[in-house]
Amino acid sequence: MGLYAAEFIPKGTVVWEFASEIDTVYHHAKLRSLCDQNLRTFLFIYTYYSRGLGGYVLCGDHARFVNHNEEANLYCDDRERCIAARDIAEGEEITDNYFLYDHPEGEEYIPEAYAFEAGMRTTATAGAGASSNGNGSTY
């Protein structure tokens, strides 16, 4: 799975913005209180941490299909927007570098999140090139 440009996207174009009516923020305390282990695991795999919003963001739109690439054609700013880092051709896969996301300061990682991140970094370091979860939905 992935997300592909339906048309040419010029460098500097805002490709995605956080939208509270579509995207959900889960604060650290809320995640810790979840009893359902499957739901906790799902959220740790498919969310990203936003220092600006103070929680883990679950994208409810097309952004959930963006895959990881260390030479991504998107970058995200501190205003919860993702912008084309270079021109993106029609039909080209839209990618983001997951390793550049915020991490919670002053809060210990919840074990499931740490294990997932450690596994992802190991896979990427080994040269697999794509995200270890294979879906790119953490953006």
N, C-alpha and C. Protein backbone atom coordinates (compact mmCIF):
# COMPACT_ATOMS: atom_id res chain seq x y z
N MET A 1 0.83 -1.17 0.00
CA MET A 1 0.00 0.00 0.00
C MET A 1 0.88 1.24 0.00
N GLY A 2 0.34 2.29 -0.48
CA GLY A 2 1.05 3.55 -0.50
C GLY A 2 0.11 4.64 -0.99
N LEU A 3 0.62 5.84 -1.07
CA LEU A 3 -0.14 6.97 -1.56
C LEU A 3 0.63 7.54 -2.75
N TYR A 4 -0.06 7.75 -3.86
CA TYR A 4 0.58 8.19 -5.09
C TYR A 4 -0.05 9.49 -5.57
N ALA A 5 0.77 10.37 -6.13
CA ALA A 5 0.31 11.67 -6.61
C ALA A 5 -0.61 11.49 -7.81
N ALA A 6 -1.81 12.05 -7.74
CA ALA A 6 -2.77 11.99 -8.84
C ALA A 6 -2.42 13.02 -9.92
N GLU A 7 -1.61 14.00 -9.55
CA GLU A 7 -1.17 15.04 -10.49
C GLU A 7 0.17 15.57 -10.02
N PHE A 8 0.83 16.34 -10.85
CA PHE A 8 2.10 16.96 -10.49
C PHE A 8 1.91 17.83 -9.26
N ILE A 9 2.84 17.73 -8.29
CA ILE A 9 2.81 18.54 -7.07
C ILE A 9 4.11 19.35 -7.01
N PRO A 10 4.03 20.67 -7.15
CA PRO A 10 5.24 21.49 -7.11
C PRO A 10 5.85 21.55 -5.71
N LYS A 11 7.17 21.69 -5.66
CA LYS A 11 7.90 21.87 -4.41
C LYS A 11 7.26 23.01 -3.63
N GLY A 12 7.11 22.83 -2.32
CA GLY A 12 6.54 23.87 -1.46
C GLY A 12 5.04 23.78 -1.26
N THR A 13 4.38 22.88 -1.99
CA THR A 13 2.93 22.72 -1.85
C THR A 13 2.59 22.02 -0.54
N VAL A 14 1.63 22.56 0.20
CA VAL A 14 1.14 21.89 1.40
C VAL A 14 0.30 20.71 0.94
N VAL A 15 0.74 19.51 1.31
CA VAL A 15 0.10 18.28 0.86
C VAL A 15 -0.87 17.75 1.91
N TRP A 16 -0.58 18.02 3.19
CA TRP A 16 -1.43 17.54 4.28
C TRP A 16 -1.41 18.52 5.43
N GLU A 17 -2.58 18.69 6.10
CA GLU A 17 -2.68 19.49 7.31
C GLU A 17 -3.52 18.74 8.32
N PHE A 18 -3.15 18.83 9.59
CA PHE A 18 -3.95 18.24 10.66
C PHE A 18 -5.34 18.85 10.62
N ALA A 19 -6.36 18.02 10.69
CA ALA A 19 -7.76 18.48 10.72
C ALA A 19 -8.46 17.78 11.87
N SER A 20 -8.85 18.53 12.89
CA SER A 20 -9.42 17.94 14.10
C SER A 20 -10.72 17.19 13.84
N GLU A 21 -11.41 17.51 12.77
CA GLU A 21 -12.65 16.79 12.46
C GLU A 21 -12.39 15.42 11.82
N ILE A 22 -11.15 15.17 11.39
CA ILE A 22 -10.79 13.90 10.75
C ILE A 22 -9.73 13.15 11.55
N ASP A 23 -8.71 13.87 12.02
CA ASP A 23 -7.58 13.28 12.72
C ASP A 23 -7.83 13.34 14.23
N THR A 24 -7.36 12.33 14.96
CA THR A 24 -7.61 12.23 16.40
C THR A 24 -6.31 12.29 17.17
N VAL A 25 -6.31 13.05 18.27
CA VAL A 25 -5.14 13.13 19.16
C VAL A 25 -5.43 12.30 20.41
N TYR A 26 -4.51 11.39 20.71
CA TYR A 26 -4.59 10.59 21.93
C TYR A 26 -3.45 11.02 22.84
N HIS A 27 -3.80 11.53 24.02
CA HIS A 27 -2.78 11.96 24.96
C HIS A 27 -2.19 10.75 25.68
N HIS A 28 -0.95 10.90 26.13
CA HIS A 28 -0.18 9.81 26.73
C HIS A 28 -0.98 9.10 27.84
N ALA A 29 -1.59 9.86 28.73
CA ALA A 29 -2.34 9.27 29.85
C ALA A 29 -3.51 8.42 29.33
N LYS A 30 -4.17 8.88 28.28
CA LYS A 30 -5.29 8.13 27.71
C LYS A 30 -4.80 6.79 27.15
N LEU A 31 -3.66 6.82 26.45
CA LEU A 31 -3.13 5.58 25.89
C LEU A 31 -2.75 4.60 26.99
N ARG A 32 -2.15 5.11 28.05
CA ARG A 32 -1.76 4.23 29.17
C ARG A 32 -2.98 3.60 29.83
N SER A 33 -4.13 4.30 29.80
CA SER A 33 -5.31 3.79 30.49
C SER A 33 -6.12 2.79 29.67
N LEU A 34 -5.79 2.63 28.40
CA LEU A 34 -6.55 1.69 27.56
C LEU A 34 -6.32 0.26 28.04
N CYS A 35 -7.39 -0.46 28.23
CA CYS A 35 -7.30 -1.85 28.71
C CYS A 35 -7.10 -2.83 27.56
N ASP A 36 -7.63 -2.51 26.41
CA ASP A 36 -7.57 -3.43 25.27
C ASP A 36 -6.17 -3.38 24.65
N GLN A 37 -5.41 -4.44 24.83
CA GLN A 37 -4.03 -4.49 24.33
C GLN A 37 -3.98 -4.35 22.81
N ASN A 38 -4.94 -4.92 22.09
CA ASN A 38 -4.95 -4.81 20.62
C ASN A 38 -5.13 -3.36 20.19
N LEU A 39 -6.00 -2.63 20.88
CA LEU A 39 -6.20 -1.22 20.55
C LEU A 39 -4.94 -0.41 20.85
N ARG A 40 -4.31 -0.67 22.00
CA ARG A 40 -3.06 0.03 22.35
C ARG A 40 -1.99 -0.23 21.29
N THR A 41 -1.83 -1.47 20.91
CA THR A 41 -0.83 -1.82 19.89
C THR A 41 -1.14 -1.13 18.57
N PHE A 42 -2.41 -1.16 18.16
CA PHE A 42 -2.85 -0.49 16.93
C PHE A 42 -2.46 0.98 16.96
N LEU A 43 -2.77 1.65 18.06
CA LEU A 43 -2.49 3.08 18.15
C LEU A 43 -1.00 3.39 18.17
N PHE A 44 -0.20 2.54 18.80
CA PHE A 44 1.23 2.80 18.81
C PHE A 44 1.86 2.57 17.44
N ILE A 45 1.29 1.70 16.66
CA ILE A 45 1.83 1.44 15.32
C ILE A 45 1.37 2.50 14.32
N TYR A 46 0.13 2.94 14.42
CA TYR A 46 -0.46 3.79 13.40
C TYR A 46 -0.59 5.26 13.78
N THR A 47 0.10 5.69 14.83
CA THR A 47 0.07 7.10 15.19
C THR A 47 1.49 7.68 15.14
N TYR A 48 1.57 8.99 15.18
CA TYR A 48 2.86 9.65 15.35
C TYR A 48 2.72 10.63 16.51
N TYR A 49 3.80 10.90 17.20
CA TYR A 49 3.75 11.82 18.33
C TYR A 49 3.95 13.25 17.85
N SER A 50 3.09 14.14 18.31
CA SER A 50 3.19 15.56 17.98
C SER A 50 3.42 16.35 19.25
N ARG A 51 4.58 16.98 19.37
CA ARG A 51 4.88 17.82 20.53
C ARG A 51 3.92 19.01 20.56
N GLY A 52 3.63 19.57 19.39
CA GLY A 52 2.74 20.73 19.31
C GLY A 52 1.33 20.45 19.80
N LEU A 53 0.82 19.26 19.51
CA LEU A 53 -0.52 18.89 19.95
C LEU A 53 -0.50 18.14 21.29
N GLY A 54 0.68 17.76 21.74
CA GLY A 54 0.82 17.11 23.03
C GLY A 54 0.26 15.71 23.09
N GLY A 55 0.30 15.00 21.97
CA GLY A 55 -0.22 13.63 21.98
C GLY A 55 0.10 12.90 20.71
N TYR A 56 -0.44 11.70 20.63
CA TYR A 56 -0.24 10.83 19.48
C TYR A 56 -1.38 11.05 18.49
N VAL A 57 -1.06 11.29 17.22
CA VAL A 57 -2.06 11.62 16.20
C VAL A 57 -2.34 10.39 15.34
N LEU A 58 -3.62 10.08 15.22
CA LEU A 58 -4.09 9.03 14.32
C LEU A 58 -4.74 9.73 13.13
N CYS A 59 -4.13 9.61 11.96
CA CYS A 59 -4.66 10.24 10.76
C CYS A 59 -5.88 9.47 10.26
N GLY A 60 -6.94 10.19 9.96
CA GLY A 60 -8.16 9.56 9.48
C GLY A 60 -8.36 9.75 7.99
N ASP A 61 -7.41 10.35 7.31
CA ASP A 61 -7.55 10.62 5.88
C ASP A 61 -6.50 9.85 5.09
N HIS A 62 -6.27 10.27 3.86
CA HIS A 62 -5.33 9.60 2.96
C HIS A 62 -3.89 9.54 3.49
N ALA A 63 -3.55 10.41 4.42
CA ALA A 63 -2.18 10.44 4.96
C ALA A 63 -1.79 9.13 5.61
N ARG A 64 -2.75 8.34 6.02
CA ARG A 64 -2.43 7.07 6.68
C ARG A 64 -1.75 6.09 5.74
N PHE A 65 -1.74 6.37 4.45
CA PHE A 65 -1.11 5.48 3.47
C PHE A 65 0.29 5.91 3.04
N VAL A 66 0.79 7.01 3.61
CA VAL A 66 2.12 7.49 3.23
C VAL A 66 3.18 6.57 3.85
N ASN A 67 4.07 6.06 3.03
CA ASN A 67 5.13 5.15 3.46
C ASN A 67 6.40 5.91 3.84
N HIS A 68 7.27 5.21 4.54
CA HIS A 68 8.56 5.76 4.99
C HIS A 68 9.62 5.67 3.89
N ASN A 69 10.42 6.72 3.82
CA ASN A 69 11.60 6.72 2.97
C ASN A 69 12.57 7.73 3.58
N GLU A 70 13.79 7.33 3.80
CA GLU A 70 14.75 8.27 4.41
C GLU A 70 15.08 9.42 3.47
N GLU A 71 14.79 9.28 2.19
CA GLU A 71 14.95 10.38 1.23
C GLU A 71 13.56 10.79 0.75
N ALA A 72 12.70 11.10 1.71
CA ALA A 72 11.29 11.40 1.46
C ALA A 72 11.10 12.63 0.59
N ASN A 73 9.95 12.66 -0.09
CA ASN A 73 9.62 13.83 -0.90
C ASN A 73 8.69 14.80 -0.14
N LEU A 74 8.39 14.49 1.13
CA LEU A 74 7.64 15.40 2.01
C LEU A 74 8.49 15.72 3.23
N TYR A 75 8.18 16.84 3.86
CA TYR A 75 8.69 17.12 5.21
C TYR A 75 7.54 17.76 5.97
N CYS A 76 7.53 17.57 7.27
CA CYS A 76 6.46 18.13 8.09
C CYS A 76 7.02 19.26 8.93
N ASP A 77 6.26 20.35 9.04
CA ASP A 77 6.71 21.49 9.83
C ASP A 77 6.10 21.43 11.23
N ASP A 78 6.39 22.41 12.04
CA ASP A 78 5.90 22.42 13.42
C ASP A 78 4.47 22.92 13.53
N ARG A 79 3.81 23.15 12.41
CA ARG A 79 2.42 23.59 12.42
C ARG A 79 1.49 22.48 11.95
N GLU A 80 1.96 21.24 12.05
CA GLU A 80 1.15 20.06 11.68
C GLU A 80 0.74 20.10 10.21
N ARG A 81 1.72 20.41 9.37
CA ARG A 81 1.52 20.38 7.93
C ARG A 81 2.65 19.60 7.29
N CYS A 82 2.35 18.91 6.20
CA CYS A 82 3.39 18.24 5.42
C CYS A 82 3.46 18.92 4.06
N ILE A 83 4.68 19.19 3.64
CA ILE A 83 4.95 20.01 2.47
C ILE A 83 5.84 19.25 1.50
N ALA A 84 5.62 19.44 0.21
CA ALA A 84 6.46 18.80 -0.81
C ALA A 84 7.88 19.36 -0.70
N ALA A 85 8.85 18.49 -0.43
CA ALA A 85 10.24 18.89 -0.29
C ALA A 85 10.90 19.14 -1.64
N ARG A 86 10.29 18.60 -2.67
CA ARG A 86 10.75 18.77 -4.05
C ARG A 86 9.55 18.54 -4.96
N ASP A 87 9.71 18.78 -6.23
CA ASP A 87 8.62 18.47 -7.16
C ASP A 87 8.31 16.98 -7.09
N ILE A 88 7.03 16.64 -7.10
CA ILE A 88 6.59 15.24 -7.08
C ILE A 88 5.82 15.00 -8.37
N ALA A 89 6.28 14.03 -9.14
CA ALA A 89 5.67 13.75 -10.44
C ALA A 89 4.33 13.03 -10.29
N GLU A 90 3.46 13.21 -11.26
CA GLU A 90 2.20 12.45 -11.30
C GLU A 90 2.53 10.96 -11.27
N GLY A 91 1.85 10.21 -10.41
CA GLY A 91 2.07 8.77 -10.31
C GLY A 91 3.19 8.37 -9.36
N GLU A 92 3.98 9.33 -8.87
CA GLU A 92 5.08 9.04 -7.94
C GLU A 92 4.52 8.79 -6.54
N GLU A 93 5.14 7.86 -5.82
CA GLU A 93 4.71 7.60 -4.44
C GLU A 93 5.09 8.78 -3.55
N ILE A 94 4.17 9.15 -2.67
CA ILE A 94 4.40 10.21 -1.71
C ILE A 94 4.95 9.56 -0.44
N THR A 95 6.10 10.04 0.04
CA THR A 95 6.77 9.42 1.19
C THR A 95 7.18 10.46 2.22
N ASP A 96 7.42 9.96 3.43
CA ASP A 96 7.84 10.81 4.55
C ASP A 96 8.90 10.04 5.34
N ASN A 97 9.77 10.74 6.02
CA ASN A 97 10.80 10.10 6.84
C ASN A 97 10.29 10.00 8.27
N TYR A 98 9.84 8.83 8.66
CA TYR A 98 9.27 8.62 10.00
C TYR A 98 10.26 8.94 11.11
N PHE A 99 11.54 8.81 10.85
CA PHE A 99 12.54 9.02 11.89
C PHE A 99 12.65 10.48 12.32
N LEU A 100 12.04 11.39 11.59
CA LEU A 100 12.11 12.81 11.91
C LEU A 100 10.96 13.29 12.78
N TYR A 101 10.04 12.40 13.13
CA TYR A 101 8.90 12.80 13.97
C TYR A 101 9.34 13.13 15.37
N ASP A 102 8.52 13.93 16.06
CA ASP A 102 8.76 14.25 17.46
C ASP A 102 8.71 13.00 18.32
N HIS A 103 9.33 13.09 19.47
CA HIS A 103 9.24 12.04 20.49
C HIS A 103 8.88 12.74 21.78
N PRO A 104 8.11 12.08 22.62
CA PRO A 104 7.68 12.74 23.87
C PRO A 104 8.86 13.07 24.77
N GLU A 105 8.99 14.34 25.15
CA GLU A 105 10.05 14.75 26.07
C GLU A 105 9.57 14.57 27.50
N GLY A 106 10.45 14.08 28.36
CA GLY A 106 10.11 13.95 29.75
C GLY A 106 9.14 12.83 30.06
N GLU A 107 8.80 12.04 29.08
CA GLU A 107 7.91 10.91 29.28
C GLU A 107 8.62 9.67 28.80
N GLU A 108 8.56 8.62 29.60
CA GLU A 108 9.18 7.39 29.15
C GLU A 108 8.33 6.79 28.04
N TYR A 109 8.99 6.11 27.13
CA TYR A 109 8.24 5.43 26.08
C TYR A 109 7.41 4.32 26.69
N ILE A 110 6.24 4.14 26.16
CA ILE A 110 5.43 2.99 26.53
C ILE A 110 6.05 1.80 25.81
N PRO A 111 6.25 0.67 26.46
CA PRO A 111 7.01 -0.44 25.88
C PRO A 111 6.62 -0.84 24.46
N GLU A 112 5.32 -0.88 24.15
CA GLU A 112 4.92 -1.29 22.80
C GLU A 112 5.45 -0.31 21.77
N ALA A 113 5.39 0.98 22.07
CA ALA A 113 5.86 1.99 21.13
C ALA A 113 7.36 1.88 20.94
N TYR A 114 8.10 1.67 22.04
CA TYR A 114 9.54 1.56 21.95
C TYR A 114 9.94 0.33 21.13
N ALA A 115 9.28 -0.78 21.39
CA ALA A 115 9.60 -2.02 20.67
C ALA A 115 9.35 -1.85 19.18
N PHE A 116 8.25 -1.20 18.83
CA PHE A 116 7.94 -0.98 17.42
C PHE A 116 9.00 -0.09 16.78
N GLU A 117 9.32 1.02 17.46
CA GLU A 117 10.31 1.94 16.92
C GLU A 117 11.68 1.28 16.78
N ALA A 118 12.08 0.53 17.78
CA ALA A 118 13.38 -0.14 17.74
C ALA A 118 13.42 -1.12 16.58
N GLY A 119 12.35 -1.86 16.38
CA GLY A 119 12.28 -2.81 15.27
C GLY A 119 12.34 -2.11 13.93
N MET A 120 11.67 -0.97 13.84
CA MET A 120 11.65 -0.21 12.59
C MET A 120 13.05 0.32 12.28
N ARG A 121 13.74 0.83 13.28
CA ARG A 121 15.09 1.36 13.07
C ARG A 121 16.04 0.23 12.68
N THR A 122 15.91 -0.92 13.30
CA THR A 122 16.78 -2.06 12.98
C THR A 122 16.55 -2.49 11.53
N THR A 123 15.29 -2.56 11.13
CA THR A 123 14.97 -2.96 9.76
C THR A 123 15.53 -1.95 8.77
N ALA A 124 15.35 -0.65 9.06
CA ALA A 124 15.84 0.38 8.14
C ALA A 124 17.37 0.36 8.08
N THR A 125 18.01 0.17 9.20
CA THR A 125 19.47 0.12 9.23
C THR A 125 20.00 -1.07 8.44
N ALA A 126 19.23 -2.15 8.46
CA ALA A 126 19.65 -3.36 7.75
C ALA A 126 19.49 -3.21 6.24
N GLY A 127 18.91 -2.10 5.81
CA GLY A 127 18.80 -1.84 4.38
C GLY A 127 17.51 -2.32 3.75
N ALA A 128 16.50 -2.58 4.55
CA ALA A 128 15.23 -3.03 3.98
C ALA A 128 14.58 -1.93 3.16
N GLY A 129 14.82 -0.69 3.52
CA GLY A 129 14.36 0.44 2.72
C GLY A 129 12.93 0.87 2.95
N ALA A 130 12.05 0.01 3.35
CA ALA A 130 10.66 0.38 3.56
C ALA A 130 10.32 0.21 5.03
N SER A 131 9.19 0.76 5.42
CA SER A 131 8.80 0.62 6.82
C SER A 131 8.55 -0.84 7.15
N SER A 132 8.89 -1.22 8.39
CA SER A 132 8.74 -2.61 8.78
C SER A 132 7.28 -3.02 8.91
N ASN A 133 6.37 -2.05 9.09
CA ASN A 133 4.97 -2.43 9.19
C ASN A 133 4.32 -2.51 7.82
N GLY A 134 5.02 -2.05 6.79
CA GLY A 134 4.59 -2.24 5.42
C GLY A 134 3.39 -1.43 4.98
N ASN A 135 2.88 -0.54 5.83
CA ASN A 135 1.69 0.19 5.40
C ASN A 135 1.85 1.69 5.42
N GLY A 136 2.84 2.20 6.09
CA GLY A 136 3.08 3.63 6.07
C GLY A 136 1.98 4.47 6.66
N SER A 137 1.22 3.95 7.57
CA SER A 137 0.06 4.65 8.07
C SER A 137 0.32 5.49 9.31
N THR A 138 1.55 5.73 9.67
CA THR A 138 1.81 6.42 10.91
C THR A 138 1.97 7.92 10.76
N TYR A 139 1.58 8.50 9.71
CA TYR A 139 1.82 9.88 9.44
C TYR A 139 0.68 10.75 9.71
